[in-house]
Amino acid sequence: MPFVPKALARGVQRRAFLSEPTHKQVFHFTPKHGSWLNQVELWLSVLARRSLTRGDDASAHDFDTRLSEYLEVYNTPHAHPYRWT
């Protein structure tokens, strides 16, 4: 089923497009009020401050390598559960 934005004007058409089994992408709708999102947002902010803002990567492979190295360092001495207050 090709992606034609004008053909997806109605909800029925959008649901048919999103539920097409041949698509490689799968959409999972999660509640935006879930308390687990707070923990994910905390960790992503740490990742952005410590790793993502410092480098210009020449390729996707360089980025993947740098991210893997950061995760290795983070998971060894720095990983800890976040406290709810």
C-alpha atoms as a PDB file:
ATOM      1  CA  MET A   1       0.000   0.000   0.000  1.00  0.00           C
ATOM      2  CA  PRO A   2       1.769   3.203  -1.098  1.00  0.00           C
ATOM      3  CA  PHE A   3       1.935   6.245   1.141  1.00  0.00           C
ATOM      4  CA  VAL A   4      -0.279   8.966  -0.309  1.00  0.00           C
ATOM      5  CA  PRO A   5      -1.072  11.553   2.382  1.00  0.00           C
ATOM      6  CA  LYS A   6      -4.203  12.868   0.657  1.00  0.00           C
ATOM      7  CA  ALA A   7      -5.623   9.335   0.477  1.00  0.00           C
ATOM      8  CA  LEU A   8      -5.329   8.970   4.264  1.00  0.00           C
ATOM      9  CA  ALA A   9      -7.768  11.724   5.172  1.00  0.00           C
ATOM     10  CA  ARG A  10     -10.200   9.493   7.051  1.00  0.00           C
ATOM     11  CA  GLY A  11      -9.590   7.383  10.132  1.00  0.00           C
ATOM     12  CA  VAL A  12     -10.577   4.142   8.395  1.00  0.00           C
ATOM     13  CA  GLN A  13      -8.006   4.744   5.665  1.00  0.00           C
ATOM     14  CA  ARG A  14      -5.276   5.610   8.178  1.00  0.00           C
ATOM     15  CA  ARG A  15      -5.986   2.473  10.240  1.00  0.00           C
ATOM     16  CA  ALA A  16      -5.826   0.309   7.112  1.00  0.00           C
ATOM     17  CA  PHE A  17      -2.504   1.884   6.131  1.00  0.00           C
ATOM     18  CA  LEU A  18      -0.994   1.534   9.625  1.00  0.00           C
ATOM     19  CA  SER A  19      -2.157  -2.070  10.069  1.00  0.00           C
ATOM     20  CA  GLU A  20      -0.829  -3.270   6.718  1.00  0.00           C
ATOM     21  CA  PRO A  21       1.241  -6.413   7.536  1.00  0.00           C
ATOM     22  CA  THR A  22       3.796  -5.815   4.761  1.00  0.00           C
ATOM     23  CA  HIS A  23       5.080  -2.579   6.326  1.00  0.00           C
ATOM     24  CA  LYS A  24       8.418  -2.864   8.070  1.00  0.00           C
ATOM     25  CA  GLN A  25       7.562  -0.205  10.640  1.00  0.00           C
ATOM     26  CA  VAL A  26       5.165  -1.042  13.424  1.00  0.00           C
ATOM     27  CA  PHE A  27       3.468   1.708  15.410  1.00  0.00           C
ATOM     28  CA  HIS A  28       2.910   1.170  19.115  1.00  0.00           C
ATOM     29  CA  PHE A  29       0.828   3.793  20.812  1.00  0.00           C
ATOM     30  CA  THR A  30       1.796   4.222  24.439  1.00  0.00           C
ATOM     31  CA  PRO A  31       0.069   6.445  26.957  1.00  0.00           C
ATOM     32  CA  LYS A  32       1.816   9.774  27.284  1.00  0.00           C
ATOM     33  CA  HIS A  33       0.878   9.941  30.949  1.00  0.00           C
ATOM     34  CA  GLY A  34       2.764   6.753  31.840  1.00  0.00           C
ATOM     35  CA  SER A  35       5.065   7.120  34.820  1.00  0.00           C
ATOM     36  CA  TRP A  36       7.745   5.050  33.075  1.00  0.00           C
ATOM     37  CA  LEU A  37       8.223   7.882  30.582  1.00  0.00           C
ATOM     38  CA  ASN A  38       9.736  10.034  33.320  1.00  0.00           C
ATOM     39  CA  GLN A  39      12.536   7.517  33.826  1.00  0.00           C
ATOM     40  CA  VAL A  40      13.162   7.263  30.092  1.00  0.00           C
ATOM     41  CA  GLU A  41      13.254  11.054  29.765  1.00  0.00           C
ATOM     42  CA  LEU A  42      15.756  11.286  32.626  1.00  0.00           C
ATOM     43  CA  TRP A  43      18.073   8.771  31.002  1.00  0.00           C
ATOM     44  CA  LEU A  44      17.768  10.354  27.556  1.00  0.00           C
ATOM     45  CA  SER A  45      18.656  13.757  29.012  1.00  0.00           C
ATOM     46  CA  VAL A  46      21.788  12.240  30.591  1.00  0.00           C
ATOM     47  CA  LEU A  47      22.676  10.633  27.262  1.00  0.00           C
ATOM     48  CA  ALA A  48      22.173  13.910  25.390  1.00  0.00           C
ATOM     49  CA  ARG A  49      24.229  15.973  27.846  1.00  0.00           C
ATOM     50  CA  ARG A  50      27.127  13.560  28.178  1.00  0.00           C
ATOM     51  CA  SER A  51      27.442  12.067  24.733  1.00  0.00           C
ATOM     52  CA  LEU A  52      25.336  13.447  21.923  1.00  0.00           C
ATOM     53  CA  THR A  53      26.187  17.149  22.192  1.00  0.00           C
ATOM     54  CA  ARG A  54      29.933  16.722  21.910  1.00  0.00           C
ATOM     55  CA  GLY A  55      30.534  15.166  18.548  1.00  0.00           C
ATOM     56  CA  ASP A  56      30.106  15.502  14.865  1.00  0.00           C
ATOM     57  CA  ASP A  57      30.100  12.058  13.395  1.00  0.00           C
ATOM     58  CA  ALA A  58      31.180  11.553   9.814  1.00  0.00           C
ATOM     59  CA  SER A  59      29.003   8.478   9.332  1.00  0.00           C
ATOM     60  CA  ALA A  60      26.334   6.361  10.946  1.00  0.00           C
ATOM     61  CA  HIS A  61      28.981   3.770  11.782  1.00  0.00           C
ATOM     62  CA  ASP A  62      31.030   6.377  13.689  1.00  0.00           C
ATOM     63  CA  PHE A  63      27.950   7.394  15.638  1.00  0.00           C
ATOM     64  CA  ASP A  64      27.108   3.767  16.409  1.00  0.00           C
ATOM     65  CA  THR A  65      30.661   3.133  17.610  1.00  0.00           C
ATOM     66  CA  ARG A  66      30.682   6.240  19.813  1.00  0.00           C
ATOM     67  CA  LEU A  67      27.251   5.405  21.261  1.00  0.00           C
ATOM     68  CA  SER A  68      28.281   1.815  21.997  1.00  0.00           C
ATOM     69  CA  GLU A  69      31.426   3.014  23.749  1.00  0.00           C
ATOM     70  CA  TYR A  70      29.425   5.484  25.834  1.00  0.00           C
ATOM     71  CA  LEU A  71      26.902   2.808  26.838  1.00  0.00           C
ATOM     72  CA  GLU A  72      29.737   0.482  27.846  1.00  0.00           C
ATOM     73  CA  VAL A  73      31.257   3.173  30.078  1.00  0.00           C
ATOM     74  CA  TYR A  74      27.874   4.258  31.463  1.00  0.00           C
ATOM     75  CA  ASN A  75      26.674   0.744  32.307  1.00  0.00           C
ATOM     76  CA  THR A  76      29.842  -0.222  34.165  1.00  0.00           C
ATOM     77  CA  PRO A  77      30.308   2.353  36.961  1.00  0.00           C
ATOM     78  CA  HIS A  78      27.511   4.890  36.454  1.00  0.00           C
ATOM     79  CA  ALA A  79      24.286   2.933  36.015  1.00  0.00           C
ATOM     80  CA  HIS A  80      21.895   3.249  38.927  1.00  0.00           C
ATOM     81  CA  PRO A  81      18.169   3.228  39.531  1.00  0.00           C
ATOM     82  CA  TYR A  82      16.529   6.638  39.573  1.00  0.00           C
ATOM     83  CA  ARG A  83      14.812   7.651  42.793  1.00  0.00           C
ATOM     84  CA  TRP A  84      11.201   8.792  42.680  1.00  0.00           C
ATOM     85  CA  THR A  85      10.482  11.859  44.733  1.00  0.00           C
END
